[in-house]
Protein backbone atom coordinates (compact mmCIF):
# COMPACT_ATOMS: atom_id res chain seq x y z
CA MET A 1 -26.45 130.60 323.60
CA GLN A 2 -24.54 127.61 322.27
CA ASN A 3 -23.29 124.98 324.63
CA GLU A 4 -21.12 121.87 324.26
CA ASN A 5 -23.98 119.83 322.75
CA THR A 6 -25.19 122.35 320.15
CA ARG A 7 -21.84 123.71 318.96
CA ASN A 8 -21.71 121.51 315.82
CA LEU A 9 -25.45 121.40 315.15
CA LYS A 10 -27.14 123.48 312.48
CA PRO A 11 -30.54 125.06 313.14
CA PHE A 12 -33.50 122.93 312.15
CA ASP A 13 -34.50 123.33 308.49
CA PHE A 14 -38.09 122.17 307.90
CA GLU A 15 -37.66 121.79 304.12
CA ALA A 16 -34.33 119.94 304.38
CA ALA A 17 -35.85 117.57 306.93
CA LYS A 18 -38.75 116.92 304.55
CA ARG A 19 -36.21 116.04 301.84
CA GLY A 20 -34.78 113.41 304.19
CA ASP A 21 -31.70 115.14 305.61
CA PRO A 22 -30.80 113.60 309.00
CA VAL A 23 -32.18 115.22 312.13
CA VAL A 24 -31.02 114.94 315.75
CA THR A 25 -32.07 116.37 319.08
CA ARG A 26 -30.00 118.84 321.06
CA ASP A 27 -28.84 116.03 323.32
CA GLY A 28 -27.68 113.84 320.43
CA HIS A 29 -30.51 111.38 319.78
CA THR A 30 -31.28 110.55 316.16
CA ALA A 31 -34.87 111.59 315.42
CA ARG A 32 -37.00 109.45 313.11
CA ILE A 33 -39.62 111.78 311.65
CA ILE A 34 -42.98 110.12 311.05
CA CYS A 35 -44.86 113.04 309.48
CA PHE A 36 -44.72 116.77 308.79
CA ASP A 37 -48.45 117.49 308.48
CA ARG A 38 -50.06 116.78 311.83
CA LYS A 39 -52.96 119.16 312.50
CA GLY A 40 -52.36 121.90 315.04
CA ASP A 41 -49.39 123.98 316.15
CA ASP A 42 -46.92 121.10 316.15
CA PRO A 43 -47.03 119.49 312.69
CA ILE A 44 -43.90 117.34 313.11
CA VAL A 45 -44.28 113.93 314.73
CA PHE A 46 -41.06 112.05 315.48
CA LEU A 47 -39.75 109.06 317.40
CA LEU A 48 -36.66 108.81 319.56
CA SER A 49 -35.08 105.52 320.55
CA SER A 50 -33.41 105.06 323.90
CA TYR A 51 -29.64 104.70 323.72
CA ASP A 52 -29.91 100.93 324.09
CA GLY A 53 -32.71 100.77 321.48
CA SER A 54 -35.16 99.08 323.86
CA THR A 55 -37.90 101.75 323.80
CA GLU A 56 -39.24 104.48 321.53
CA CYS A 57 -40.95 107.68 322.61
CA LEU A 58 -43.19 109.86 320.44
CA TYR A 59 -42.80 113.66 320.39
CA THR A 60 -44.25 116.56 318.42
CA ALA A 61 -42.49 119.75 317.30
CA ASP A 62 -43.33 123.01 315.56
CA LYS A 63 -41.89 123.98 312.14
CA GLN A 64 -38.82 125.48 313.85
CA GLY A 65 -38.11 122.13 315.51
CA ARG A 66 -39.03 123.29 319.01
CA VAL A 67 -40.55 120.81 321.43
CA GLY A 68 -42.55 122.72 324.02
CA GLY A 69 -41.14 122.41 327.54
CA LEU A 70 -38.37 119.99 326.52
CA PRO A 71 -35.42 121.99 325.13
CA ASN A 72 -33.13 118.92 324.95
CA ARG A 73 -35.63 117.32 322.58
CA SER A 74 -35.65 120.27 320.17
CA LEU A 75 -34.63 119.31 316.64
CA TYR A 76 -31.45 120.26 314.77
CA MET A 77 -29.91 119.21 311.49
CA ALA A 78 -27.37 116.46 312.06
CA PRO A 79 -23.75 117.46 311.43
CA LYS A 80 -22.44 116.22 308.12
CA LYS A 81 -19.61 113.73 308.37
CA LYS A 82 -16.28 114.61 306.85
CA TYR A 83 -13.42 112.23 306.21
CA LEU A 84 -9.77 113.19 306.36
CA ASN A 85 -7.11 111.35 304.44
CA ILE A 86 -3.61 111.76 305.87
CA TYR A 87 -0.66 110.68 303.76
CA ARG A 88 3.10 111.22 303.62
CA ASP A 89 4.34 113.95 301.32
CA SER A 90 7.85 115.36 301.67
CA ASN A 91 6.83 118.47 299.70
CA PHE A 92 4.93 119.81 302.72
CA PRO A 93 6.50 121.38 305.86
CA HIS A 94 5.65 118.57 308.29
CA GLY A 95 5.95 115.76 305.75
CA PHE A 96 2.20 115.04 305.69
CA MET A 97 -0.74 116.18 303.58
CA VAL A 98 -4.35 116.21 304.78
CA THR A 99 -7.24 116.11 302.31
CA GLU A 100 -10.92 116.40 303.26
CA PHE A 101 -13.65 114.33 301.58
CA LYS A 102 -17.42 114.14 302.04
CA ASP A 103 -17.59 110.48 300.99
CA LYS A 104 -15.81 107.75 302.96
CA GLU A 105 -15.02 105.76 299.81
CA ALA A 106 -13.42 108.65 297.86
CA PRO A 107 -10.04 108.73 299.63
CA ILE A 108 -9.72 104.96 299.54
CA SER A 109 -10.29 104.85 295.78
CA ILE A 110 -7.50 107.36 295.10
CA ASN A 111 -4.80 104.83 296.11
CA TRP A 112 -2.02 107.16 297.22
CA LYS A 113 1.30 105.38 297.62
CA ASP A 114 2.09 106.65 301.13
CA TYR A 115 -1.44 106.52 302.55
CA VAL A 116 -1.26 106.79 306.35
CA LEU A 117 -4.68 107.22 307.92
CA LEU A 118 -8.35 107.80 307.17
CA VAL A 119 -10.16 109.63 309.98
């Protein structure tokens, strides 16, 4: 069952995480993976920093990203950021056009005349 915290999170992908794709926990912490080949049932070793960055805790997880007994520490793939460029365009019903980009620099480099907002 998905809740407020997991709605935008993709299931953990062991191979994508090994390639370096960002990983987070169910409760929103960024996980820093140390290794993927620890001996035993939980081959993933990762660190979590406290919100203020003052401490780090070490956890282990299985290949599905599950942390035994701590469901809020289970791993998920971090949501990918998307950037929206909003600009004036009288050819559209509400007078604005919205374009989605994966790269923050892409909409800025286009240099539309009536650029309004980058979100």
